[in-house]
Amino acid sequence: MAKKEESTGRESLLEMIDNLVYHVNMERIWLNVLCMTSIIIAPISLFFTIFMMLHPGILRLTFRFDFPLGLITMAYFIINLFVATLWLVVGLKEFRFLSKWSYRFKRYFSLKEQLDKELQREFGG
């Protein structure tokens, strides 16, 4: 009985992995769009934030107008720099992964089909 449950668990695990691989392949287009937008938008955000921080009049005017508003603005700029940099790094990393995905998926799919055919021949299922 334990052997049968273990076998069913393995089949279930393999089916889950198969489903995950197929799902990622189906969502690959959306993931590529997400990566491309992060690669385009993050540098724009970084440029704009650095420009605003280094511009001599903007922060001075903000601090002169309302000191707490100036502090909030500086905190926003710092958080924006951190998040945009993180978004850019993640986008580039995932873009590299997804650019290799098509080859890996085709190879996985062909090996899976080959294994299924061999198992069918072997066990006549």
PDB file of N, CA and C in Angstrom:
ATOM      1  N   MET A   1       0.822  -1.192   0.000  1.00  0.00           N
ATOM      2  CA  MET A   1       0.000   0.000   0.000  1.00  0.00           C
ATOM      3  C   MET A   1       0.866   1.256   0.000  1.00  0.00           C
ATOM      4  N   ALA A   2       1.936   1.260   0.800  1.00  0.00           N
ATOM      5  CA  ALA A   2       2.809   2.419   0.848  1.00  0.00           C
ATOM      6  C   ALA A   2       3.509   2.619  -0.486  1.00  0.00           C
ATOM      7  N   LYS A   3       3.838   1.533  -1.160  1.00  0.00           N
ATOM      8  CA  LYS A   3       4.508   1.612  -2.460  1.00  0.00           C
ATOM      9  C   LYS A   3       3.594   2.285  -3.490  1.00  0.00           C
ATOM     10  N   LYS A   4       2.289   1.943  -3.452  1.00  0.00           N
ATOM     11  CA  LYS A   4       1.333   2.513  -4.393  1.00  0.00           C
ATOM     12  C   LYS A   4       1.151   4.010  -4.143  1.00  0.00           C
ATOM     13  N   GLU A   5       1.072   4.418  -2.852  1.00  0.00           N
ATOM     14  CA  GLU A   5       0.929   5.835  -2.515  1.00  0.00           C
ATOM     15  C   GLU A   5       2.165   6.609  -2.950  1.00  0.00           C
ATOM     16  N   GLU A   6       3.350   6.029  -2.759  1.00  0.00           N
ATOM     17  CA  GLU A   6       4.591   6.687  -3.165  1.00  0.00           C
ATOM     18  C   GLU A   6       4.621   6.863  -4.675  1.00  0.00           C
ATOM     19  N   SER A   7       4.200   5.826  -5.419  1.00  0.00           N
ATOM     20  CA  SER A   7       4.164   5.894  -6.877  1.00  0.00           C
ATOM     21  C   SER A   7       3.171   6.954  -7.335  1.00  0.00           C
ATOM     22  N   THR A   8       2.007   7.005  -6.713  1.00  0.00           N
ATOM     23  CA  THR A   8       1.000   8.008  -7.060  1.00  0.00           C
ATOM     24  C   THR A   8       1.519   9.400  -6.748  1.00  0.00           C
ATOM     25  N   GLY A   9       2.224   9.550  -5.626  1.00  0.00           N
ATOM     26  CA  GLY A   9       2.803  10.841  -5.253  1.00  0.00           C
ATOM     27  C   GLY A   9       3.825  11.309  -6.270  1.00  0.00           C
ATOM     28  N   ARG A  10       4.643  10.395  -6.759  1.00  0.00           N
ATOM     29  CA  ARG A  10       5.643  10.750  -7.771  1.00  0.00           C
ATOM     30  C   ARG A  10       4.978  11.147  -9.077  1.00  0.00           C
ATOM     31  N   GLU A  11       3.954  10.368  -9.485  1.00  0.00           N
ATOM     32  CA  GLU A  11       3.239  10.725 -10.709  1.00  0.00           C
ATOM     33  C   GLU A  11       2.585  12.082 -10.560  1.00  0.00           C
ATOM     34  N   SER A  12       2.011  12.319  -9.400  1.00  0.00           N
ATOM     35  CA  SER A  12       1.363  13.595  -9.149  1.00  0.00           C
ATOM     36  C   SER A  12       2.390  14.726  -9.199  1.00  0.00           C
ATOM     37  N   LEU A  13       3.557  14.495  -8.615  1.00  0.00           N
ATOM     38  CA  LEU A  13       4.616  15.496  -8.636  1.00  0.00           C
ATOM     39  C   LEU A  13       5.090  15.757 -10.063  1.00  0.00           C
ATOM     40  N   LEU A  14       5.265  14.693 -10.842  1.00  0.00           N
ATOM     41  CA  LEU A  14       5.679  14.857 -12.230  1.00  0.00           C
ATOM     42  C   LEU A  14       4.621  15.598 -13.042  1.00  0.00           C
ATOM     43  N   GLU A  15       3.345  15.301 -12.785  1.00  0.00           N
ATOM     44  CA  GLU A  15       2.271  16.013 -13.478  1.00  0.00           C
ATOM     45  C   GLU A  15       2.269  17.486 -13.091  1.00  0.00           C
ATOM     46  N   MET A  16       2.521  17.778 -11.813  1.00  0.00           N
ATOM     47  CA  MET A  16       2.578  19.172 -11.372  1.00  0.00           C
ATOM     48  C   MET A  16       3.724  19.913 -12.054  1.00  0.00           C
ATOM     49  N   ILE A  17       4.876  19.266 -12.142  1.00  0.00           N
ATOM     50  CA  ILE A  17       6.022  19.890 -12.797  1.00  0.00           C
ATOM     51  C   ILE A  17       5.734  20.104 -14.276  1.00  0.00           C
ATOM     52  N   ASP A  18       5.139  19.098 -14.923  1.00  0.00           N
ATOM     53  CA  ASP A  18       4.744  19.250 -16.331  1.00  0.00           C
ATOM     54  C   ASP A  18       3.789  20.420 -16.508  1.00  0.00           C
ATOM     55  N   ASN A  19       2.794  20.495 -15.653  1.00  0.00           N
ATOM     56  CA  ASN A  19       1.819  21.586 -15.747  1.00  0.00           C
ATOM     57  C   ASN A  19       2.479  22.944 -15.540  1.00  0.00           C
ATOM     58  N   LEU A  20       3.427  23.009 -14.606  1.00  0.00           N
ATOM     59  CA  LEU A  20       4.141  24.258 -14.369  1.00  0.00           C
ATOM     60  C   LEU A  20       4.955  24.666 -15.593  1.00  0.00           C
ATOM     61  N   VAL A  21       5.652  23.722 -16.192  1.00  0.00           N
ATOM     62  CA  VAL A  21       6.457  24.013 -17.381  1.00  0.00           C
ATOM     63  C   VAL A  21       5.565  24.501 -18.518  1.00  0.00           C
ATOM     64  N   TYR A  22       4.434  23.829 -18.733  1.00  0.00           N
ATOM     65  CA  TYR A  22       3.524  24.258 -19.795  1.00  0.00           C
ATOM     66  C   TYR A  22       2.908  25.621 -19.490  1.00  0.00           C
ATOM     67  N   HIS A  23       2.620  25.874 -18.230  1.00  0.00           N
ATOM     68  CA  HIS A  23       2.048  27.170 -17.850  1.00  0.00           C
ATOM     69  C   HIS A  23       3.055  28.301 -18.097  1.00  0.00           C
ATOM     70  N   VAL A  24       4.293  28.088 -17.698  1.00  0.00           N
ATOM     71  CA  VAL A  24       5.322  29.109 -17.928  1.00  0.00           C
ATOM     72  C   VAL A  24       5.488  29.347 -19.422  1.00  0.00           C
ATOM     73  N   ASN A  25       5.435  28.281 -20.215  1.00  0.00           N
ATOM     74  CA  ASN A  25       5.553  28.450 -21.660  1.00  0.00           C
ATOM     75  C   ASN A  25       4.383  29.252 -22.224  1.00  0.00           C
ATOM     76  N   MET A  26       3.186  29.018 -21.704  1.00  0.00           N
ATOM     77  CA  MET A  26       2.015  29.769 -22.167  1.00  0.00           C
ATOM     78  C   MET A  26       2.095  31.241 -21.757  1.00  0.00           C
ATOM     79  N   GLU A  27       2.635  31.512 -20.586  1.00  0.00           N
ATOM     80  CA  GLU A  27       2.713  32.877 -20.069  1.00  0.00           C
ATOM     81  C   GLU A  27       3.998  33.602 -20.496  1.00  0.00           C
ATOM     82  N   ARG A  28       4.800  32.936 -21.286  1.00  0.00           N
ATOM     83  CA  ARG A  28       6.092  33.488 -21.704  1.00  0.00           C
ATOM     84  C   ARG A  28       5.957  34.840 -22.381  1.00  0.00           C
ATOM     85  N   ILE A  29       4.920  35.029 -23.189  1.00  0.00           N
ATOM     86  CA  ILE A  29       4.735  36.303 -23.890  1.00  0.00           C
ATOM     87  C   ILE A  29       4.509  37.425 -22.887  1.00  0.00           C
ATOM     88  N   TRP A  30       3.644  37.182 -21.897  1.00  0.00           N
ATOM     89  CA  TRP A  30       3.385  38.218 -20.894  1.00  0.00           C
ATOM     90  C   TRP A  30       4.627  38.492 -20.058  1.00  0.00           C
ATOM     91  N   LEU A  31       5.379  37.452 -19.757  1.00  0.00           N
ATOM     92  CA  LEU A  31       6.607  37.651 -18.992  1.00  0.00           C
ATOM     93  C   LEU A  31       7.625  38.458 -19.802  1.00  0.00           C
ATOM     94  N   ASN A  32       7.693  38.215 -21.106  1.00  0.00           N
ATOM     95  CA  ASN A  32       8.585  39.008 -21.956  1.00  0.00           C
ATOM     96  C   ASN A  32       8.155  40.467 -21.993  1.00  0.00           C
ATOM     97  N   VAL A  33       6.847  40.712 -22.074  1.00  0.00           N
ATOM     98  CA  VAL A  33       6.343  42.097 -22.052  1.00  0.00           C
ATOM     99  C   VAL A  33       6.708  42.758 -20.731  1.00  0.00           C
ATOM    100  N   LEU A  34       6.538  42.035 -19.637  1.00  0.00           N
ATOM    101  CA  LEU A  34       6.877  42.563 -18.323  1.00  0.00           C
ATOM    102  C   LEU A  34       8.366  42.899 -18.238  1.00  0.00           C
ATOM    103  N   CYS A  35       9.193  42.015 -18.741  1.00  0.00           N
ATOM    104  CA  CYS A  35      10.643  42.260 -18.728  1.00  0.00           C
ATOM    105  C   CYS A  35      11.007  43.465 -19.586  1.00  0.00           C
ATOM    106  N   MET A  36      10.424  43.539 -20.767  1.00  0.00           N
ATOM    107  CA  MET A  36      10.744  44.659 -21.660  1.00  0.00           C
ATOM    108  C   MET A  36      10.302  45.994 -21.053  1.00  0.00           C
ATOM    109  N   THR A  37       9.143  46.027 -20.424  1.00  0.00           N
ATOM    110  CA  THR A  37       8.716  47.288 -19.808  1.00  0.00           C
ATOM    111  C   THR A  37       9.629  47.663 -18.651  1.00  0.00           C
ATOM    112  N   SER A  38      10.096  46.680 -17.908  1.00  0.00           N
ATOM    113  CA  SER A  38      11.015  47.018 -16.817  1.00  0.00           C
ATOM    114  C   SER A  38      12.350  47.515 -17.369  1.00  0.00           C
ATOM    115  N   ILE A  39      12.780  46.967 -18.483  1.00  0.00           N
ATOM    116  CA  ILE A  39      14.046  47.392 -19.078  1.00  0.00           C
ATOM    117  C   ILE A  39      13.921  48.793 -19.681  1.00  0.00           C
ATOM    118  N   ILE A  40      12.731  49.169 -20.111  1.00  0.00           N
ATOM    119  CA  ILE A  40      12.525  50.496 -20.697  1.00  0.00           C
ATOM    120  C   ILE A  40      12.166  51.533 -19.636  1.00  0.00           C
ATOM    121  N   ILE A  41      11.230  51.216 -18.748  1.00  0.00           N
ATOM    122  CA  ILE A  41      10.710  52.192 -17.795  1.00  0.00           C
ATOM    123  C   ILE A  41      11.674  52.463 -16.646  1.00  0.00           C
ATOM    124  N   ALA A  42      12.354  51.442 -16.141  1.00  0.00           N
ATOM    125  CA  ALA A  42      13.250  51.639 -14.999  1.00  0.00           C
ATOM    126  C   ALA A  42      14.369  52.648 -15.290  1.00  0.00           C
ATOM    127  N   PRO A  43      15.050  52.586 -16.437  1.00  0.00           N
ATOM    128  CA  PRO A  43      16.065  53.608 -16.693  1.00  0.00           C
ATOM    129  C   PRO A  43      15.478  55.015 -16.817  1.00  0.00           C
ATOM    130  N   ILE A  44      14.269  55.129 -17.378  1.00  0.00           N
ATOM    131  CA  ILE A  44      13.630  56.438 -17.463  1.00  0.00           C
ATOM    132  C   ILE A  44      13.362  56.973 -16.061  1.00  0.00           C
ATOM    133  N   SER A  45      12.866  56.121 -15.187  1.00  0.00           N
ATOM    134  CA  SER A  45      12.608  56.518 -13.806  1.00  0.00           C
ATOM    135  C   SER A  45      13.905  56.899 -13.096  1.00  0.00           C
ATOM    136  N   LEU A  46      14.945  56.111 -13.320  1.00  0.00           N
ATOM    137  CA  LEU A  46      16.241  56.433 -12.715  1.00  0.00           C
ATOM    138  C   LEU A  46      16.767  57.781 -13.214  1.00  0.00           C
ATOM    139  N   PHE A  47      16.705  58.001 -14.506  1.00  0.00           N
ATOM    140  CA  PHE A  47      17.179  59.263 -15.072  1.00  0.00           C
ATOM    141  C   PHE A  47      16.395  60.443 -14.495  1.00  0.00           C
ATOM    142  N   PHE A  48      15.068  60.327 -14.479  1.00  0.00           N
ATOM    143  CA  PHE A  48      14.233  61.416 -13.984  1.00  0.00           C
ATOM    144  C   PHE A  48      14.498  61.690 -12.503  1.00  0.00           C
ATOM    145  N   THR A  49      14.626  60.653 -11.703  1.00  0.00           N
ATOM    146  CA  THR A  49      14.872  60.822 -10.274  1.00  0.00           C
ATOM    147  C   THR A  49      16.234  61.454 -10.025  1.00  0.00           C
ATOM    148  N   ILE A  50      17.251  60.991 -10.724  1.00  0.00           N
ATOM    149  CA  ILE A  50      18.590  61.574 -10.558  1.00  0.00           C
ATOM    150  C   ILE A  50      18.586  63.034 -11.009  1.00  0.00           C
ATOM    151  N   PHE A  51      17.902  63.327 -12.108  1.00  0.00           N
ATOM    152  CA  PHE A  51      17.792  64.709 -12.571  1.00  0.00           C
ATOM    153  C   PHE A  51      17.137  65.584 -11.505  1.00  0.00           C
ATOM    154  N   MET A  52      16.041  65.089 -10.916  1.00  0.00           N
ATOM    155  CA  MET A  52      15.332  65.868  -9.898  1.00  0.00           C
ATOM    156  C   MET A  52      16.192  66.051  -8.637  1.00  0.00           C
ATOM    157  N   MET A  53      16.969  65.033  -8.279  1.00  0.00           N
ATOM    158  CA  MET A  53      17.802  65.138  -7.080  1.00  0.00           C
ATOM    159  C   MET A  53      18.987  66.072  -7.297  1.00  0.00           C
ATOM    160  N   LEU A  54      19.529  66.067  -8.496  1.00  0.00           N
ATOM    161  CA  LEU A  54      20.722  66.876  -8.764  1.00  0.00           C
ATOM    162  C   LEU A  54      20.396  68.293  -9.241  1.00  0.00           C
ATOM    163  N   HIS A  55      19.158  68.546  -9.594  1.00  0.00           N
ATOM    164  CA  HIS A  55      18.776  69.888 -10.028  1.00  0.00           C
ATOM    165  C   HIS A  55      18.890  70.835  -8.834  1.00  0.00           C
ATOM    166  N   PRO A  56      19.630  71.930  -8.999  1.00  0.00           N
ATOM    167  CA  PRO A  56      19.900  72.781  -7.830  1.00  0.00           C
ATOM    168  C   PRO A  56      18.661  73.486  -7.264  1.00  0.00           C
ATOM    169  N   GLY A  57      17.660  73.761  -8.073  1.00  0.00           N
ATOM    170  CA  GLY A  57      16.553  74.569  -7.575  1.00  0.00           C
ATOM    171  C   GLY A  57      15.378  73.785  -7.029  1.00  0.00           C
ATOM    172  N   ILE A  58      15.169  72.575  -7.502  1.00  0.00           N
ATOM    173  CA  ILE A  58      13.947  71.843  -7.151  1.00  0.00           C
ATOM    174  C   ILE A  58      13.923  71.465  -5.672  1.00  0.00           C
ATOM    175  N   LEU A  59      14.958  70.802  -5.195  1.00  0.00           N
ATOM    176  CA  LEU A  59      14.965  70.401  -3.785  1.00  0.00           C
ATOM    177  C   LEU A  59      15.085  71.613  -2.863  1.00  0.00           C
ATOM    178  N   ARG A  60      15.873  72.598  -3.269  1.00  0.00           N
ATOM    179  CA  ARG A  60      16.004  73.797  -2.441  1.00  0.00           C
ATOM    180  C   ARG A  60      14.657  74.482  -2.279  1.00  0.00           C
ATOM    181  N   LEU A  61      13.906  74.587  -3.379  1.00  0.00           N
ATOM    182  CA  LEU A  61      12.582  75.195  -3.335  1.00  0.00           C
ATOM    183  C   LEU A  61      11.627  74.367  -2.479  1.00  0.00           C
ATOM    184  N   THR A  62      11.702  73.062  -2.601  1.00  0.00           N
ATOM    185  CA  THR A  62      10.830  72.182  -1.814  1.00  0.00           C
ATOM    186  C   THR A  62      11.128  72.318  -0.327  1.00  0.00           C
ATOM    187  N   PHE A  63      12.425  72.330   0.037  1.00  0.00           N
ATOM    188  CA  PHE A  63      12.783  72.477   1.443  1.00  0.00           C
ATOM    189  C   PHE A  63      12.425  73.869   1.963  1.00  0.00           C
ATOM    190  N   ARG A  64      12.587  74.895   1.139  1.00  0.00           N
ATOM    191  CA  ARG A  64      12.263  76.256   1.558  1.00  0.00           C
ATOM    192  C   ARG A  64      10.760  76.435   1.736  1.00  0.00           C
ATOM    193  N   PHE A  65       9.984  75.800   0.853  1.00  0.00           N
ATOM    194  CA  PHE A  65       8.518  75.915   0.907  1.00  0.00           C
ATOM    195  C   PHE A  65       7.963  75.206   2.135  1.00  0.00           C
ATOM    196  N   ASP A  66       8.387  73.967   2.354  1.00  0.00           N
ATOM    197  CA  ASP A  66       7.893  73.181   3.489  1.00  0.00           C
ATOM    198  C   ASP A  66       8.932  72.109   3.802  1.00  0.00           C
ATOM    199  N   PHE A  67       9.604  72.242   4.961  1.00  0.00           N
ATOM    200  CA  PHE A  67      10.692  71.335   5.305  1.00  0.00           C
ATOM    201  C   PHE A  67      10.250  69.863   5.374  1.00  0.00           C
ATOM    202  N   PRO A  68       9.121  69.545   6.040  1.00  0.00           N
ATOM    203  CA  PRO A  68       8.689  68.138   6.043  1.00  0.00           C
ATOM    204  C   PRO A  68       8.387  67.613   4.635  1.00  0.00           C
ATOM    205  N   LEU A  69       7.846  68.458   3.776  1.00  0.00           N
ATOM    206  CA  LEU A  69       7.606  68.044   2.391  1.00  0.00           C
ATOM    207  C   LEU A  69       8.924  67.751   1.685  1.00  0.00           C
ATOM    208  N   GLY A  70       9.949  68.535   1.965  1.00  0.00           N
ATOM    209  CA  GLY A  70      11.274  68.276   1.397  1.00  0.00           C
ATOM    210  C   GLY A  70      11.836  66.939   1.851  1.00  0.00           C
ATOM    211  N   LEU A  71      11.646  66.606   3.129  1.00  0.00           N
ATOM    212  CA  LEU A  71      12.106  65.309   3.635  1.00  0.00           C
ATOM    213  C   LEU A  71      11.346  64.160   2.986  1.00  0.00           C
ATOM    214  N   ILE A  72      10.036  64.338   2.838  1.00  0.00           N
ATOM    215  CA  ILE A  72       9.223  63.301   2.196  1.00  0.00           C
ATOM    216  C   ILE A  72       9.648  63.139   0.739  1.00  0.00           C
ATOM    217  N   THR A  73       9.920  64.253   0.073  1.00  0.00           N
ATOM    218  CA  THR A  73      10.361  64.200  -1.323  1.00  0.00           C
ATOM    219  C   THR A  73      11.698  63.477  -1.441  1.00  0.00           C
ATOM    220  N   MET A  74      12.628  63.762  -0.542  1.00  0.00           N
ATOM    221  CA  MET A  74      13.928  63.077  -0.567  1.00  0.00           C
ATOM    222  C   MET A  74      13.748  61.584  -0.305  1.00  0.00           C
ATOM    223  N   ALA A  75      12.896  61.239   0.662  1.00  0.00           N
ATOM    224  CA  ALA A  75      12.646  59.825   0.940  1.00  0.00           C
ATOM    225  C   ALA A  75      12.035  59.149  -0.284  1.00  0.00           C
ATOM    226  N   TYR A  76      11.115  59.839  -0.950  1.00  0.00           N
ATOM    227  CA  TYR A  76      10.507  59.289  -2.163  1.00  0.00           C
ATOM    228  C   TYR A  76      11.560  59.060  -3.240  1.00  0.00           C
ATOM    229  N   PHE A  77      12.446  60.017  -3.431  1.00  0.00           N
ATOM    230  CA  PHE A  77      13.494  59.872  -4.445  1.00  0.00           C
ATOM    231  C   PHE A  77      14.406  58.695  -4.129  1.00  0.00           C
ATOM    232  N   ILE A  78      14.780  58.538  -2.884  1.00  0.00           N
ATOM    233  CA  ILE A  78      15.675  57.442  -2.497  1.00  0.00           C
ATOM    234  C   ILE A  78      14.984  56.094  -2.700  1.00  0.00           C
ATOM    235  N   ILE A  79      13.731  56.005  -2.278  1.00  0.00           N
ATOM    236  CA  ILE A  79      12.974  54.763  -2.472  1.00  0.00           C
ATOM    237  C   ILE A  79      12.812  54.472  -3.965  1.00  0.00           C
ATOM    238  N   ASN A  80      12.533  55.514  -4.744  1.00  0.00           N
ATOM    239  CA  ASN A  80      12.367  55.351  -6.188  1.00  0.00           C
ATOM    240  C   ASN A  80      13.666  54.855  -6.828  1.00  0.00           C
ATOM    241  N   LEU A  81      14.804  55.388  -6.416  1.00  0.00           N
ATOM    242  CA  LEU A  81      16.093  54.918  -6.944  1.00  0.00           C
ATOM    243  C   LEU A  81      16.296  53.430  -6.633  1.00  0.00           C
ATOM    244  N   PHE A  82      16.010  53.048  -5.399  1.00  0.00           N
ATOM    245  CA  PHE A  82      16.188  51.657  -4.999  1.00  0.00           C
ATOM    246  C   PHE A  82      15.258  50.736  -5.791  1.00  0.00           C
ATOM    247  N   VAL A  83      13.974  51.080  -5.858  1.00  0.00           N
ATOM    248  CA  VAL A  83      12.997  50.211  -6.523  1.00  0.00           C
ATOM    249  C   VAL A  83      13.263  50.138  -8.033  1.00  0.00           C
ATOM    250  N   ALA A  84      13.570  51.271  -8.668  1.00  0.00           N
ATOM    251  CA  ALA A  84      13.833  51.264 -10.108  1.00  0.00           C
ATOM    252  C   ALA A  84      15.082  50.451 -10.434  1.00  0.00           C
ATOM    253  N   THR A  85      16.104  50.561  -9.596  1.00  0.00           N
ATOM    254  CA  THR A  85      17.311  49.761  -9.812  1.00  0.00           C
ATOM    255  C   THR A  85      17.003  48.275  -9.652  1.00  0.00           C
ATOM    256  N   LEU A  86      16.264  47.939  -8.613  1.00  0.00           N
ATOM    257  CA  LEU A  86      15.871  46.550  -8.397  1.00  0.00           C
ATOM    258  C   LEU A  86      15.031  46.030  -9.564  1.00  0.00           C
ATOM    259  N   TRP A  87      14.084  46.822 -10.029  1.00  0.00           N
ATOM    260  CA  TRP A  87      13.212  46.434 -11.140  1.00  0.00           C
ATOM    261  C   TRP A  87      14.041  46.211 -12.415  1.00  0.00           C
ATOM    262  N   LEU A  88      15.025  47.059 -12.637  1.00  0.00           N
ATOM    263  CA  LEU A  88      15.889  46.917 -13.818  1.00  0.00           C
ATOM    264  C   LEU A  88      16.719  45.636 -13.729  1.00  0.00           C
ATOM    265  N   VAL A  89      17.295  45.364 -12.576  1.00  0.00           N
ATOM    266  CA  VAL A  89      18.119  44.158 -12.412  1.00  0.00           C
ATOM    267  C   VAL A  89      17.267  42.895 -12.593  1.00  0.00           C
ATOM    268  N   VAL A  90      16.093  42.872 -11.973  1.00  0.00           N
ATOM    269  CA  VAL A  90      15.214  41.713 -12.104  1.00  0.00           C
ATOM    270  C   VAL A  90      14.762  41.547 -13.551  1.00  0.00           C
ATOM    271  N   GLY A  91      14.411  42.648 -14.211  1.00  0.00           N
ATOM    272  CA  GLY A  91      13.983  42.583 -15.610  1.00  0.00           C
ATOM    273  C   GLY A  91      15.069  42.031 -16.513  1.00  0.00           C
ATOM    274  N   LEU A  92      16.297  42.484 -16.323  1.00  0.00           N
ATOM    275  CA  LEU A  92      17.405  41.988 -17.144  1.00  0.00           C
ATOM    276  C   LEU A  92      17.678  40.505 -16.872  1.00  0.00           C
ATOM    277  N   LYS A  93      17.633  40.125 -15.596  1.00  0.00           N
ATOM    278  CA  LYS A  93      17.876  38.727 -15.233  1.00  0.00           C
ATOM    279  C   LYS A  93      16.811  37.812 -15.838  1.00  0.00           C
ATOM    280  N   GLU A  94      15.560  38.196 -15.707  1.00  0.00           N
ATOM    281  CA  GLU A  94      14.478  37.370 -16.235  1.00  0.00           C
ATOM    282  C   GLU A  94      14.467  37.378 -17.766  1.00  0.00           C
ATOM    283  N   PHE A  95      14.851  38.481 -18.382  1.00  0.00           N
ATOM    284  CA  PHE A  95      14.922  38.532 -19.841  1.00  0.00           C
ATOM    285  C   PHE A  95      15.957  37.540 -20.352  1.00  0.00           C
ATOM    286  N   ARG A  96      17.101  37.476 -19.673  1.00  0.00           N
ATOM    287  CA  ARG A  96      18.127  36.503 -20.058  1.00  0.00           C
ATOM    288  C   ARG A  96      17.609  35.077 -19.919  1.00  0.00           C
ATOM    289  N   PHE A  97      16.902  34.803 -18.810  1.00  0.00           N
ATOM    290  CA  PHE A  97      16.343  33.470 -18.599  1.00  0.00           C
ATOM    291  C   PHE A  97      15.323  33.141 -19.677  1.00  0.00           C
ATOM    292  N   LEU A  98      14.416  34.054 -19.954  1.00  0.00           N
ATOM    293  CA  LEU A  98      13.351  33.793 -20.925  1.00  0.00           C
ATOM    294  C   LEU A  98      13.868  33.712 -22.355  1.00  0.00           C
ATOM    295  N   SER A  99      14.983  34.378 -22.641  1.00  0.00           N
ATOM    296  CA  SER A  99      15.528  34.295 -23.995  1.00  0.00           C
ATOM    297  C   SER A  99      16.047  32.882 -24.294  1.00  0.00           C
ATOM    298  N   LYS A 100      16.415  32.151 -23.265  1.00  0.00           N
ATOM    299  CA  LYS A 100      16.871  30.770 -23.446  1.00  0.00           C
ATOM    300  C   LYS A 100      15.718  29.774 -23.290  1.00  0.00           C
ATOM    301  N   TRP A 101      14.555  30.260 -22.860  1.00  0.00           N
ATOM    302  CA  TRP A 101      13.436  29.378 -22.526  1.00  0.00           C
ATOM    303  C   TRP A 101      12.935  28.586 -23.730  1.00  0.00           C
ATOM    304  N   SER A 102      12.791  29.201 -24.886  1.00  0.00           N
ATOM    305  CA  SER A 102      12.231  28.514 -26.058  1.00  0.00           C
ATOM    306  C   SER A 102      13.052  27.279 -26.406  1.00  0.00           C
ATOM    307  N   TYR A 103      14.355  27.433 -26.425  1.00  0.00           N
ATOM    308  CA  TYR A 103      15.228  26.297 -26.733  1.00  0.00           C
ATOM    309  C   TYR A 103      15.058  25.198 -25.686  1.00  0.00           C
ATOM    310  N   ARG A 104      15.075  25.593 -24.427  1.00  0.00           N
ATOM    311  CA  ARG A 104      14.945  24.610 -23.348  1.00  0.00           C
ATOM    312  C   ARG A 104      13.594  23.906 -23.405  1.00  0.00           C
ATOM    313  N   PHE A 105      12.533  24.642 -23.685  1.00  0.00           N
ATOM    314  CA  PHE A 105      11.202  24.039 -23.730  1.00  0.00           C
ATOM    315  C   PHE A 105      11.092  23.064 -24.894  1.00  0.00           C
ATOM    316  N   LYS A 106      11.595  23.436 -26.064  1.00  0.00           N
ATOM    317  CA  LYS A 106      11.548  22.527 -27.218  1.00  0.00           C
ATOM    318  C   LYS A 106      12.321  21.247 -26.921  1.00  0.00           C
ATOM    319  N   ARG A 107      13.466  21.402 -26.288  1.00  0.00           N
ATOM    320  CA  ARG A 107      14.280  20.235 -25.940  1.00  0.00           C
ATOM    321  C   ARG A 107      13.553  19.373 -24.916  1.00  0.00           C
ATOM    322  N   TYR A 108      12.978  19.986 -23.897  1.00  0.00           N
ATOM    323  CA  TYR A 108      12.216  19.259 -22.872  1.00  0.00           C
ATOM    324  C   TYR A 108      11.046  18.519 -23.506  1.00  0.00           C
ATOM    325  N   PHE A 109      10.310  19.210 -24.375  1.00  0.00           N
ATOM    326  CA  PHE A 109       9.132  18.613 -24.996  1.00  0.00           C
ATOM    327  C   PHE A 109       9.519  17.433 -25.881  1.00  0.00           C
ATOM    328  N   SER A 110      10.599  17.569 -26.662  1.00  0.00           N
ATOM    329  CA  SER A 110      11.006  16.454 -27.533  1.00  0.00           C
ATOM    330  C   SER A 110      11.508  15.269 -26.712  1.00  0.00           C
ATOM    331  N   LEU A 111      12.251  15.521 -25.643  1.00  0.00           N
ATOM    332  CA  LEU A 111      12.716  14.421 -24.786  1.00  0.00           C
ATOM    333  C   LEU A 111      11.540  13.740 -24.097  1.00  0.00           C
ATOM    334  N   LYS A 112      10.554  14.518 -23.681  1.00  0.00           N
ATOM    335  CA  LYS A 112       9.365  13.949 -23.032  1.00  0.00           C
ATOM    336  C   LYS A 112       8.593  13.076 -24.017  1.00  0.00           C
ATOM    337  N   GLU A 113       8.416  13.549 -25.239  1.00  0.00           N
ATOM    338  CA  GLU A 113       7.728  12.744 -26.250  1.00  0.00           C
ATOM    339  C   GLU A 113       8.499  11.464 -26.549  1.00  0.00           C
ATOM    340  N   GLN A 114       9.805  11.571 -26.655  1.00  0.00           N
ATOM    341  CA  GLN A 114      10.634  10.401 -26.915  1.00  0.00           C
ATOM    342  C   GLN A 114      10.513   9.395 -25.772  1.00  0.00           C
ATOM    343  N   LEU A 115      10.541   9.872 -24.545  1.00  0.00           N
ATOM    344  CA  LEU A 115      10.399   8.991 -23.391  1.00  0.00           C
ATOM    345  C   LEU A 115       9.012   8.348 -23.357  1.00  0.00           C
ATOM    346  N   ASP A 116       7.992   9.123 -23.655  1.00  0.00           N
ATOM    347  CA  ASP A 116       6.625   8.568 -23.689  1.00  0.00           C
ATOM    348  C   ASP A 116       6.503   7.471 -24.743  1.00  0.00           C
ATOM    349  N   LYS A 117       7.092   7.674 -25.923  1.00  0.00           N
ATOM    350  CA  LYS A 117       7.040   6.655 -26.974  1.00  0.00           C
ATOM    351  C   LYS A 117       7.769   5.388 -26.551  1.00  0.00           C
ATOM    352  N   GLU A 118       8.941   5.555 -25.930  1.00  0.00           N
ATOM    353  CA  GLU A 118       9.697   4.393 -25.474  1.00  0.00           C
ATOM    354  C   GLU A 118       8.938   3.632 -24.393  1.00  0.00           C
ATOM    355  N   LEU A 119       8.317   4.354 -23.473  1.00  0.00           N
ATOM    356  CA  LEU A 119       7.532   3.688 -22.429  1.00  0.00           C
ATOM    357  C   LEU A 119       6.315   2.985 -23.010  1.00  0.00           C
ATOM    358  N   GLN A 120       5.701   3.570 -24.031  1.00  0.00           N
ATOM    359  CA  GLN A 120       4.565   2.937 -24.683  1.00  0.00           C
ATOM    360  C   GLN A 120       4.996   1.648 -25.373  1.00  0.00           C
ATOM    361  N   ARG A 121       6.138   1.697 -26.071  1.00  0.00           N
ATOM    362  CA  ARG A 121       6.648   0.499 -26.731  1.00  0.00           C
ATOM    363  C   ARG A 121       7.009  -0.574 -25.714  1.00  0.00           C
ATOM    364  N   GLU A 122       7.644  -0.158 -24.623  1.00  0.00           N
ATOM    365  CA  GLU A 122       8.106  -1.092 -23.606  1.00  0.00           C
ATOM    366  C   GLU A 122       6.949  -1.772 -22.859  1.00  0.00           C
ATOM    367  N   PHE A 123       5.964  -0.959 -22.457  1.00  0.00           N
ATOM    368  CA  PHE A 123       4.891  -1.484 -21.609  1.00  0.00           C
ATOM    369  C   PHE A 123       3.556  -1.626 -22.350  1.00  0.00           C
ATOM    370  N   GLY A 124       3.504  -1.212 -23.611  1.00  0.00           N
ATOM    371  CA  GLY A 124       2.298  -1.389 -24.421  1.00  0.00           C
ATOM    372  C   GLY A 124       1.087  -0.634 -23.913  1.00  0.00           C
ATOM    373  N   GLY A 125       1.321   0.562 -23.354  1.00  0.00           N
ATOM    374  CA  GLY A 125       0.206   1.335 -22.788  1.00  0.00           C
ATOM    375  C   GLY A 125      -0.364   2.194 -23.785  1.00  0.00           C
TER     376      GLY A 125
END
